[in-house]
Amino acid sequence: MKIVTTPMCEKILKLAGIKNYIVSKNPDETDADIAVVLYETNTKKKAIKLKLNTFDQIEKSISKVRDLLGGKNKKIKINFRWADENYRKVQRRKNRKIKVKVYSNFLKDIVKDMGYKIVNKNPDFIIYPDYMEDKIKEENVSKVKVPSHENVPKDPIERAKVRYNLLEKKLCMKH
């Protein structure tokens, strides 16, 4: 079976122990039987769609790819404080008092995982992806711009670390 993946998902195949695949920004333009792509990617090929926003999603995606494509690697352990369930429990309790309005589904996944309260009115912070900067009109609310695809590492673990660190740093001042 020929496998194609996008650059943003390649690390998942490596971590799952998959060795033979093609990397392409445009999976439909390759001669492959199946594509491994981000969840929101549209493709005409049979696809394994992955969510890679939170550490749980990353771990589940590695297992899914390994199980579906016959990878050999065992379960990995992500070495980062937000990947640790005990750390998350403590931080979620602290964060639940902070109200945020979120402008993106991928950011909602992260914000929920971190325990912040998502609201539509009277937020303490507005969280948005960098590509939406021109659309954010609210005034008198602190805003947090989060880097998207082109401005973050392709490695999903490193990408998640950048985003979690940024949100933790910018929003922790409310504790």
N, C-alpha and C. Protein backbone atom coordinates (compact mmCIF):
# COMPACT_ATOMS: atom_id res chain seq x y z
N MET A 1 0.85 -1.18 0.00
CA MET A 1 0.00 0.00 0.00
C MET A 1 0.89 1.24 0.00
N LYS A 2 0.59 2.19 -0.88
CA LYS A 2 1.34 3.44 -0.94
C LYS A 2 0.66 4.48 -0.05
N ILE A 3 1.46 5.11 0.80
CA ILE A 3 0.96 6.08 1.77
C ILE A 3 1.53 7.46 1.43
N VAL A 4 0.68 8.49 1.51
CA VAL A 4 1.13 9.87 1.38
C VAL A 4 0.72 10.61 2.65
N THR A 5 1.55 11.51 3.09
CA THR A 5 1.23 12.35 4.24
C THR A 5 1.65 13.78 3.96
N THR A 6 1.04 14.69 4.66
CA THR A 6 1.43 16.09 4.55
C THR A 6 2.60 16.35 5.50
N PRO A 7 3.35 17.42 5.28
CA PRO A 7 4.48 17.73 6.18
C PRO A 7 4.03 17.88 7.64
N MET A 8 2.82 18.38 7.88
CA MET A 8 2.35 18.59 9.26
C MET A 8 2.05 17.28 9.98
N CYS A 9 1.90 16.17 9.25
CA CYS A 9 1.58 14.87 9.86
C CYS A 9 2.74 13.88 9.79
N GLU A 10 3.80 14.23 9.09
CA GLU A 10 4.89 13.27 8.88
C GLU A 10 5.45 12.70 10.19
N LYS A 11 5.63 13.54 11.19
CA LYS A 11 6.22 13.08 12.46
C LYS A 11 5.37 11.98 13.11
N ILE A 12 4.06 12.03 12.91
CA ILE A 12 3.18 11.00 13.48
C ILE A 12 3.50 9.65 12.86
N LEU A 13 3.72 9.61 11.54
CA LEU A 13 4.09 8.36 10.89
C LEU A 13 5.42 7.84 11.43
N LYS A 14 6.38 8.73 11.59
CA LYS A 14 7.68 8.33 12.13
C LYS A 14 7.53 7.75 13.54
N LEU A 15 6.77 8.45 14.38
CA LEU A 15 6.58 7.99 15.76
C LEU A 15 5.79 6.69 15.83
N ALA A 16 4.95 6.44 14.83
CA ALA A 16 4.18 5.20 14.78
C ALA A 16 4.98 4.04 14.19
N GLY A 17 6.18 4.34 13.68
CA GLY A 17 7.03 3.29 13.13
C GLY A 17 6.75 2.98 11.67
N ILE A 18 6.10 3.88 10.97
CA ILE A 18 5.85 3.71 9.53
C ILE A 18 7.08 4.23 8.79
N LYS A 19 7.62 3.41 7.90
CA LYS A 19 8.86 3.80 7.24
C LYS A 19 8.68 4.22 5.78
N ASN A 20 7.75 3.63 5.08
CA ASN A 20 7.60 3.90 3.65
C ASN A 20 6.38 4.76 3.38
N TYR A 21 6.63 6.00 3.01
CA TYR A 21 5.56 6.94 2.69
C TYR A 21 6.14 8.08 1.87
N ILE A 22 5.24 8.83 1.26
CA ILE A 22 5.60 10.01 0.47
C ILE A 22 5.13 11.23 1.25
N VAL A 23 5.88 12.31 1.22
CA VAL A 23 5.45 13.56 1.86
C VAL A 23 5.09 14.54 0.75
N SER A 24 3.87 15.09 0.85
CA SER A 24 3.42 16.05 -0.15
C SER A 24 2.44 17.03 0.46
N LYS A 25 2.58 18.30 0.09
CA LYS A 25 1.60 19.30 0.53
C LYS A 25 0.25 19.07 -0.14
N ASN A 26 0.26 18.38 -1.28
CA ASN A 26 -0.97 18.11 -2.04
C ASN A 26 -1.13 16.60 -2.23
N PRO A 27 -1.70 15.92 -1.25
CA PRO A 27 -1.82 14.45 -1.33
C PRO A 27 -2.57 13.97 -2.57
N ASP A 28 -3.53 14.75 -3.06
CA ASP A 28 -4.30 14.32 -4.23
C ASP A 28 -3.46 14.27 -5.50
N GLU A 29 -2.32 14.93 -5.49
CA GLU A 29 -1.46 14.96 -6.68
C GLU A 29 -0.42 13.84 -6.68
N THR A 30 -0.55 12.90 -5.76
CA THR A 30 0.42 11.81 -5.69
C THR A 30 -0.24 10.48 -6.04
N ASP A 31 0.58 9.52 -6.39
CA ASP A 31 0.12 8.17 -6.69
C ASP A 31 0.19 7.36 -5.39
N ALA A 32 -0.81 7.55 -4.55
CA ALA A 32 -0.85 6.83 -3.27
C ALA A 32 -2.24 6.27 -3.06
N ASP A 33 -2.31 5.23 -2.23
CA ASP A 33 -3.60 4.58 -1.95
C ASP A 33 -4.34 5.23 -0.79
N ILE A 34 -3.58 5.81 0.13
CA ILE A 34 -4.19 6.40 1.32
C ILE A 34 -3.38 7.63 1.74
N ALA A 35 -4.09 8.62 2.27
CA ALA A 35 -3.45 9.85 2.74
C ALA A 35 -3.59 9.95 4.25
N VAL A 36 -2.56 10.44 4.90
CA VAL A 36 -2.60 10.75 6.32
C VAL A 36 -2.50 12.27 6.40
N VAL A 37 -3.60 12.89 6.85
CA VAL A 37 -3.72 14.35 6.80
C VAL A 37 -4.33 14.90 8.08
N LEU A 38 -4.21 16.21 8.24
CA LEU A 38 -4.89 16.87 9.36
C LEU A 38 -6.40 16.74 9.18
N TYR A 39 -7.10 16.74 10.28
CA TYR A 39 -8.55 16.52 10.31
C TYR A 39 -9.31 17.43 9.36
N GLU A 40 -8.91 18.67 9.26
CA GLU A 40 -9.65 19.64 8.45
C GLU A 40 -9.23 19.66 6.98
N THR A 41 -8.28 18.81 6.60
CA THR A 41 -7.80 18.78 5.22
C THR A 41 -8.80 18.06 4.31
N ASN A 42 -9.13 18.69 3.20
CA ASN A 42 -9.98 18.06 2.20
C ASN A 42 -9.12 17.30 1.22
N THR A 43 -9.48 16.06 0.97
CA THR A 43 -8.77 15.23 0.01
C THR A 43 -9.75 14.29 -0.66
N LYS A 44 -9.46 13.94 -1.90
CA LYS A 44 -10.30 12.99 -2.64
C LYS A 44 -9.88 11.55 -2.35
N LYS A 45 -8.71 11.39 -1.80
CA LYS A 45 -8.19 10.06 -1.49
C LYS A 45 -8.83 9.50 -0.23
N LYS A 46 -8.77 8.19 -0.12
CA LYS A 46 -9.09 7.54 1.15
C LYS A 46 -8.10 8.11 2.16
N ALA A 47 -8.59 8.53 3.32
CA ALA A 47 -7.70 9.25 4.24
C ALA A 47 -7.86 8.82 5.68
N ILE A 48 -6.77 8.93 6.40
CA ILE A 48 -6.76 8.85 7.85
C ILE A 48 -6.59 10.30 8.30
N LYS A 49 -7.64 10.83 8.93
CA LYS A 49 -7.63 12.23 9.34
C LYS A 49 -7.28 12.32 10.82
N LEU A 50 -6.31 13.19 11.12
CA LEU A 50 -5.77 13.29 12.47
C LEU A 50 -6.01 14.66 13.08
N LYS A 51 -6.36 14.66 14.36
CA LYS A 51 -6.38 15.89 15.15
C LYS A 51 -5.08 15.89 15.94
N LEU A 52 -4.34 17.00 15.84
CA LEU A 52 -3.02 17.06 16.48
C LEU A 52 -2.86 18.34 17.32
N ASN A 53 -3.92 18.77 17.96
CA ASN A 53 -3.88 20.02 18.70
C ASN A 53 -3.46 19.84 20.16
N THR A 54 -3.94 18.79 20.80
CA THR A 54 -3.62 18.53 22.20
C THR A 54 -2.68 17.32 22.29
N PHE A 55 -2.08 17.14 23.45
CA PHE A 55 -1.17 16.02 23.62
C PHE A 55 -1.92 14.69 23.59
N ASP A 56 -3.13 14.65 24.13
CA ASP A 56 -3.96 13.44 24.04
C ASP A 56 -4.27 13.11 22.58
N GLN A 57 -4.62 14.13 21.79
CA GLN A 57 -4.91 13.91 20.38
C GLN A 57 -3.68 13.38 19.65
N ILE A 58 -2.52 13.90 19.98
CA ILE A 58 -1.28 13.45 19.34
C ILE A 58 -1.03 11.98 19.67
N GLU A 59 -1.16 11.62 20.95
CA GLU A 59 -0.93 10.23 21.36
C GLU A 59 -1.93 9.29 20.69
N LYS A 60 -3.21 9.69 20.63
CA LYS A 60 -4.23 8.86 19.99
C LYS A 60 -3.96 8.73 18.50
N SER A 61 -3.47 9.78 17.87
CA SER A 61 -3.17 9.75 16.44
C SER A 61 -2.02 8.79 16.14
N ILE A 62 -1.01 8.78 16.98
CA ILE A 62 0.11 7.86 16.80
C ILE A 62 -0.39 6.43 16.88
N SER A 63 -1.22 6.14 17.88
CA SER A 63 -1.78 4.79 18.03
C SER A 63 -2.66 4.41 16.84
N LYS A 64 -3.48 5.35 16.40
CA LYS A 64 -4.38 5.11 15.26
C LYS A 64 -3.59 4.77 14.00
N VAL A 65 -2.57 5.57 13.71
CA VAL A 65 -1.74 5.33 12.53
C VAL A 65 -1.01 4.00 12.66
N ARG A 66 -0.46 3.74 13.82
CA ARG A 66 0.26 2.48 14.05
C ARG A 66 -0.68 1.28 13.84
N ASP A 67 -1.88 1.37 14.40
CA ASP A 67 -2.83 0.25 14.30
C ASP A 67 -3.36 0.06 12.87
N LEU A 68 -3.66 1.16 12.19
CA LEU A 68 -4.24 1.06 10.85
C LEU A 68 -3.22 0.76 9.75
N LEU A 69 -1.98 1.19 9.94
CA LEU A 69 -0.98 1.04 8.89
C LEU A 69 0.13 0.05 9.24
N GLY A 70 0.03 -0.60 10.40
CA GLY A 70 0.97 -1.64 10.74
C GLY A 70 2.33 -1.16 11.22
N GLY A 71 2.34 -0.09 11.96
CA GLY A 71 3.60 0.42 12.51
C GLY A 71 4.12 -0.48 13.61
N LYS A 72 5.37 -0.33 13.94
CA LYS A 72 6.04 -1.22 14.90
C LYS A 72 6.32 -0.58 16.25
N ASN A 73 6.31 0.73 16.34
CA ASN A 73 6.72 1.38 17.58
C ASN A 73 5.68 1.20 18.69
N LYS A 74 6.19 1.20 19.92
CA LYS A 74 5.33 1.11 21.09
C LYS A 74 4.84 2.51 21.45
N LYS A 75 3.96 2.56 22.42
CA LYS A 75 3.42 3.84 22.89
C LYS A 75 4.55 4.77 23.32
N ILE A 76 4.44 6.03 22.91
CA ILE A 76 5.48 6.99 23.29
C ILE A 76 5.03 7.79 24.50
N LYS A 77 6.00 8.34 25.19
CA LYS A 77 5.73 9.20 26.34
C LYS A 77 6.20 10.59 25.97
N ILE A 78 5.26 11.54 25.95
CA ILE A 78 5.62 12.92 25.63
C ILE A 78 6.12 13.59 26.90
N ASN A 79 7.31 14.13 26.83
CA ASN A 79 7.95 14.74 27.99
C ASN A 79 7.67 16.25 27.98
N PHE A 80 6.54 16.63 28.56
CA PHE A 80 6.15 18.03 28.65
C PHE A 80 5.11 18.14 29.76
N ARG A 81 5.17 19.20 30.53
CA ARG A 81 4.29 19.30 31.70
C ARG A 81 2.82 19.17 31.36
N TRP A 82 2.36 19.74 30.24
CA TRP A 82 0.93 19.66 29.88
C TRP A 82 0.54 18.29 29.36
N ALA A 83 1.49 17.42 29.09
CA ALA A 83 1.19 16.04 28.69
C ALA A 83 1.03 15.16 29.93
N ASP A 84 1.35 15.70 31.09
CA ASP A 84 1.25 14.98 32.36
C ASP A 84 -0.13 15.20 32.97
N GLU A 85 -0.86 14.13 33.20
CA GLU A 85 -2.25 14.23 33.69
C GLU A 85 -2.33 14.93 35.06
N ASN A 86 -1.39 14.68 35.95
CA ASN A 86 -1.42 15.32 37.27
C ASN A 86 -1.24 16.83 37.16
N TYR A 87 -0.29 17.25 36.35
CA TYR A 87 -0.08 18.69 36.13
C TYR A 87 -1.34 19.33 35.55
N ARG A 88 -1.93 18.66 34.55
CA ARG A 88 -3.14 19.20 33.92
C ARG A 88 -4.27 19.36 34.92
N LYS A 89 -4.46 18.39 35.79
CA LYS A 89 -5.55 18.47 36.79
C LYS A 89 -5.40 19.73 37.65
N VAL A 90 -4.20 19.95 38.15
CA VAL A 90 -3.94 21.11 39.02
C VAL A 90 -4.16 22.41 38.24
N GLN A 91 -3.59 22.49 37.06
CA GLN A 91 -3.69 23.72 36.26
C GLN A 91 -5.13 23.99 35.81
N ARG A 92 -5.85 22.95 35.45
CA ARG A 92 -7.25 23.12 35.01
C ARG A 92 -8.08 23.75 36.11
N ARG A 93 -7.84 23.32 37.35
CA ARG A 93 -8.58 23.91 38.48
C ARG A 93 -8.30 25.40 38.60
N LYS A 94 -7.06 25.78 38.42
CA LYS A 94 -6.68 27.19 38.49
C LYS A 94 -7.26 27.98 37.31
N ASN A 95 -7.23 27.37 36.14
CA ASN A 95 -7.61 28.07 34.91
C ASN A 95 -9.11 28.25 34.71
N ARG A 96 -9.91 27.46 35.38
CA ARG A 96 -11.36 27.49 35.10
C ARG A 96 -12.02 28.83 35.42
N LYS A 97 -11.35 29.67 36.18
CA LYS A 97 -11.90 31.00 36.50
C LYS A 97 -11.66 32.01 35.39
N ILE A 98 -10.78 31.67 34.45
CA ILE A 98 -10.41 32.60 33.38
C ILE A 98 -11.33 32.38 32.18
N LYS A 99 -12.04 33.45 31.80
CA LYS A 99 -13.00 33.37 30.70
C LYS A 99 -12.34 33.82 29.40
N VAL A 100 -12.48 32.98 28.37
CA VAL A 100 -11.87 33.30 27.09
C VAL A 100 -12.88 33.11 25.95
N LYS A 101 -12.75 33.98 24.97
CA LYS A 101 -13.50 33.83 23.72
C LYS A 101 -12.49 33.33 22.70
N VAL A 102 -12.84 32.27 21.99
CA VAL A 102 -11.89 31.61 21.09
C VAL A 102 -12.39 31.64 19.65
N TYR A 103 -11.52 32.03 18.75
CA TYR A 103 -11.84 32.14 17.34
C TYR A 103 -11.17 31.06 16.51
N SER A 104 -11.40 29.81 16.80
CA SER A 104 -10.86 28.74 15.96
C SER A 104 -11.10 27.41 16.65
N ASN A 105 -11.45 26.40 15.87
CA ASN A 105 -11.68 25.08 16.45
C ASN A 105 -10.41 24.46 16.99
N PHE A 106 -9.28 24.63 16.29
CA PHE A 106 -8.04 24.02 16.80
C PHE A 106 -7.63 24.65 18.12
N LEU A 107 -7.89 25.95 18.28
CA LEU A 107 -7.57 26.60 19.55
C LEU A 107 -8.55 26.21 20.65
N LYS A 108 -9.80 25.98 20.29
CA LYS A 108 -10.79 25.52 21.29
C LYS A 108 -10.34 24.21 21.91
N ASP A 109 -9.81 23.30 21.09
CA ASP A 109 -9.32 22.02 21.63
C ASP A 109 -8.26 22.26 22.71
N ILE A 110 -7.33 23.14 22.43
CA ILE A 110 -6.24 23.42 23.38
C ILE A 110 -6.77 24.13 24.62
N VAL A 111 -7.60 25.14 24.42
CA VAL A 111 -8.15 25.92 25.53
C VAL A 111 -8.97 25.03 26.47
N LYS A 112 -9.78 24.14 25.91
CA LYS A 112 -10.55 23.20 26.73
C LYS A 112 -9.61 22.29 27.51
N ASP A 113 -8.57 21.79 26.84
CA ASP A 113 -7.61 20.90 27.49
C ASP A 113 -6.91 21.60 28.66
N MET A 114 -6.69 22.89 28.51
CA MET A 114 -6.02 23.65 29.57
C MET A 114 -6.98 24.09 30.67
N GLY A 115 -8.28 23.89 30.46
CA GLY A 115 -9.25 24.15 31.51
C GLY A 115 -9.83 25.55 31.55
N TYR A 116 -9.55 26.39 30.59
CA TYR A 116 -10.12 27.73 30.57
C TYR A 116 -11.60 27.66 30.24
N LYS A 117 -12.36 28.63 30.72
CA LYS A 117 -13.79 28.67 30.47
C LYS A 117 -14.05 29.42 29.17
N ILE A 118 -14.67 28.75 28.21
CA ILE A 118 -14.98 29.38 26.92
C ILE A 118 -16.33 30.08 27.02
N VAL A 119 -16.32 31.36 26.65
CA VAL A 119 -17.54 32.19 26.70
C VAL A 119 -17.68 32.96 25.38
N ASN A 120 -18.87 33.48 25.14
CA ASN A 120 -19.09 34.34 23.97
C ASN A 120 -19.18 35.81 24.37
N LYS A 121 -19.51 36.07 25.64
CA LYS A 121 -19.65 37.45 26.10
C LYS A 121 -18.79 37.69 27.33
N ASN A 122 -18.31 38.91 27.45
CA ASN A 122 -17.52 39.36 28.61
C ASN A 122 -16.30 38.48 28.92
N PRO A 123 -15.48 38.18 27.92
CA PRO A 123 -14.29 37.38 28.20
C PRO A 123 -13.20 38.20 28.87
N ASP A 124 -12.31 37.51 29.55
CA ASP A 124 -11.09 38.15 30.07
C ASP A 124 -10.07 38.29 28.95
N PHE A 125 -10.10 37.35 28.00
CA PHE A 125 -9.17 37.32 26.89
C PHE A 125 -9.86 36.87 25.61
N ILE A 126 -9.35 37.34 24.50
CA ILE A 126 -9.73 36.84 23.18
C ILE A 126 -8.54 36.05 22.67
N ILE A 127 -8.78 34.82 22.23
CA ILE A 127 -7.71 33.98 21.69
C ILE A 127 -8.04 33.72 20.23
N TYR A 128 -7.08 33.98 19.36
CA TYR A 128 -7.34 33.83 17.93
C TYR A 128 -6.07 33.40 17.19
N PRO A 129 -6.24 32.72 16.05
CA PRO A 129 -5.08 32.35 15.24
C PRO A 129 -4.57 33.55 14.47
N ASP A 130 -3.30 33.56 14.17
CA ASP A 130 -2.67 34.71 13.50
C ASP A 130 -3.34 35.07 12.18
N TYR A 131 -3.90 34.11 11.48
CA TYR A 131 -4.51 34.42 10.19
C TYR A 131 -5.85 35.15 10.31
N MET A 132 -6.37 35.30 11.53
CA MET A 132 -7.64 36.00 11.73
C MET A 132 -7.46 37.39 12.33
N GLU A 133 -6.25 37.85 12.41
CA GLU A 133 -5.96 39.11 13.10
C GLU A 133 -6.83 40.27 12.62
N ASP A 134 -7.08 40.37 11.33
CA ASP A 134 -7.87 41.47 10.79
C ASP A 134 -9.36 41.39 11.16
N LYS A 135 -9.81 40.21 11.60
CA LYS A 135 -11.24 40.03 11.89
C LYS A 135 -11.59 40.27 13.36
N ILE A 136 -10.60 40.44 14.20
CA ILE A 136 -10.84 40.60 15.64
C ILE A 136 -11.07 42.08 15.93
N LYS A 137 -12.30 42.42 16.29
CA LYS A 137 -12.69 43.82 16.46
C LYS A 137 -12.93 44.24 17.91
N GLU A 138 -13.07 43.28 18.81
CA GLU A 138 -13.37 43.62 20.20
C GLU A 138 -12.32 44.55 20.78
N GLU A 139 -12.80 45.51 21.52
CA GLU A 139 -11.89 46.45 22.17
C GLU A 139 -11.94 46.25 23.68
N ASN A 140 -10.98 46.79 24.36
CA ASN A 140 -10.91 46.74 25.83
C ASN A 140 -10.86 45.31 26.38
N VAL A 141 -10.36 44.39 25.58
CA VAL A 141 -10.16 43.02 26.03
C VAL A 141 -8.75 42.61 25.60
N SER A 142 -8.03 41.98 26.50
CA SER A 142 -6.69 41.50 26.15
C SER A 142 -6.81 40.42 25.08
N LYS A 143 -5.93 40.50 24.09
CA LYS A 143 -5.96 39.55 22.99
C LYS A 143 -4.67 38.74 22.95
N VAL A 144 -4.83 37.47 22.58
CA VAL A 144 -3.68 36.57 22.46
C VAL A 144 -3.71 35.98 21.06
N LYS A 145 -2.70 36.34 20.27
CA LYS A 145 -2.56 35.82 18.91
C LYS A 145 -1.71 34.56 18.98
N VAL A 146 -2.24 33.47 18.41
CA VAL A 146 -1.55 32.19 18.44
C VAL A 146 -1.09 31.83 17.03
N PRO A 147 0.16 31.42 16.87
CA PRO A 147 0.66 31.09 15.53
C PRO A 147 -0.04 29.86 14.94
N SER A 148 -0.27 29.94 13.63
CA SER A 148 -0.91 28.83 12.92
C SER A 148 0.11 28.09 12.07
N HIS A 149 -0.36 27.32 11.11
CA HIS A 149 0.46 26.37 10.33
C HIS A 149 1.80 26.90 9.84
N GLU A 150 1.81 28.02 9.20
CA GLU A 150 3.04 28.51 8.58
C GLU A 150 4.05 29.04 9.59
N ASN A 151 3.60 29.34 10.80
CA ASN A 151 4.45 30.02 11.78
C ASN A 151 4.80 29.17 13.00
N VAL A 152 4.67 27.86 12.86
CA VAL A 152 4.99 26.95 13.95
C VAL A 152 5.77 25.75 13.41
N PRO A 153 6.42 24.99 14.28
CA PRO A 153 7.14 23.80 13.82
C PRO A 153 6.19 22.79 13.16
N LYS A 154 6.69 22.04 12.21
CA LYS A 154 5.89 20.99 11.57
C LYS A 154 5.69 19.80 12.51
N ASP A 155 6.62 19.59 13.41
CA ASP A 155 6.51 18.51 14.40
C ASP A 155 5.33 18.83 15.33
N PRO A 156 4.31 17.95 15.38
CA PRO A 156 3.11 18.26 16.16
C PRO A 156 3.36 18.40 17.67
N ILE A 157 4.34 17.69 18.19
CA ILE A 157 4.64 17.81 19.62
C ILE A 157 5.25 19.18 19.89
N GLU A 158 6.21 19.57 19.08
CA GLU A 158 6.83 20.89 19.24
C GLU A 158 5.82 22.00 18.99
N ARG A 159 4.94 21.81 18.01
CA ARG A 159 3.90 22.78 17.70
C ARG A 159 2.97 22.97 18.90
N ALA A 160 2.56 21.87 19.51
CA ALA A 160 1.69 21.94 20.69
C ALA A 160 2.41 22.63 21.84
N LYS A 161 3.68 22.31 22.04
CA LYS A 161 4.44 22.95 23.12
C LYS A 161 4.47 24.47 22.95
N VAL A 162 4.71 24.93 21.72
CA VAL A 162 4.75 26.37 21.46
C VAL A 162 3.41 27.01 21.85
N ARG A 163 2.33 26.39 21.42
CA ARG A 163 1.00 26.96 21.67
C ARG A 163 0.62 26.90 23.15
N TYR A 164 0.86 25.79 23.82
CA TYR A 164 0.55 25.68 25.25
C TYR A 164 1.38 26.68 26.05
N ASN A 165 2.68 26.76 25.75
CA ASN A 165 3.54 27.70 26.46
C ASN A 165 3.05 29.13 26.29
N LEU A 166 2.69 29.50 25.08
CA LEU A 166 2.21 30.85 24.81
C LEU A 166 0.94 31.14 25.60
N LEU A 167 -0.03 30.24 25.53
CA LEU A 167 -1.29 30.48 26.24
C LEU A 167 -1.08 30.50 27.75
N GLU A 168 -0.27 29.60 28.25
CA GLU A 168 0.00 29.58 29.69
C GLU A 168 0.65 30.89 30.13
N LYS A 169 1.61 31.35 29.38
CA LYS A 169 2.32 32.58 29.73
C LYS A 169 1.40 33.80 29.67
N LYS A 170 0.60 33.91 28.62
CA LYS A 170 -0.25 35.08 28.43
C LYS A 170 -1.46 35.10 29.33
N LEU A 171 -2.00 33.93 29.68
CA LEU A 171 -3.24 33.88 30.46
C LEU A 171 -3.01 33.66 31.96
N CYS A 172 -1.82 33.27 32.36
CA CYS A 172 -1.58 32.95 33.77
C CYS A 172 -1.65 34.16 34.67
N MET A 173 -1.54 35.34 34.10
CA MET A 173 -1.55 36.54 34.95
C MET A 173 -2.89 36.76 35.65
N LYS A 174 -3.92 36.00 35.28
CA LYS A 174 -5.23 36.14 35.91
C LYS A 174 -5.34 35.27 37.17
N HIS A 175 -4.37 34.38 37.43
CA HIS A 175 -4.46 33.48 38.60
C HIS A 175 -4.30 34.26 39.87
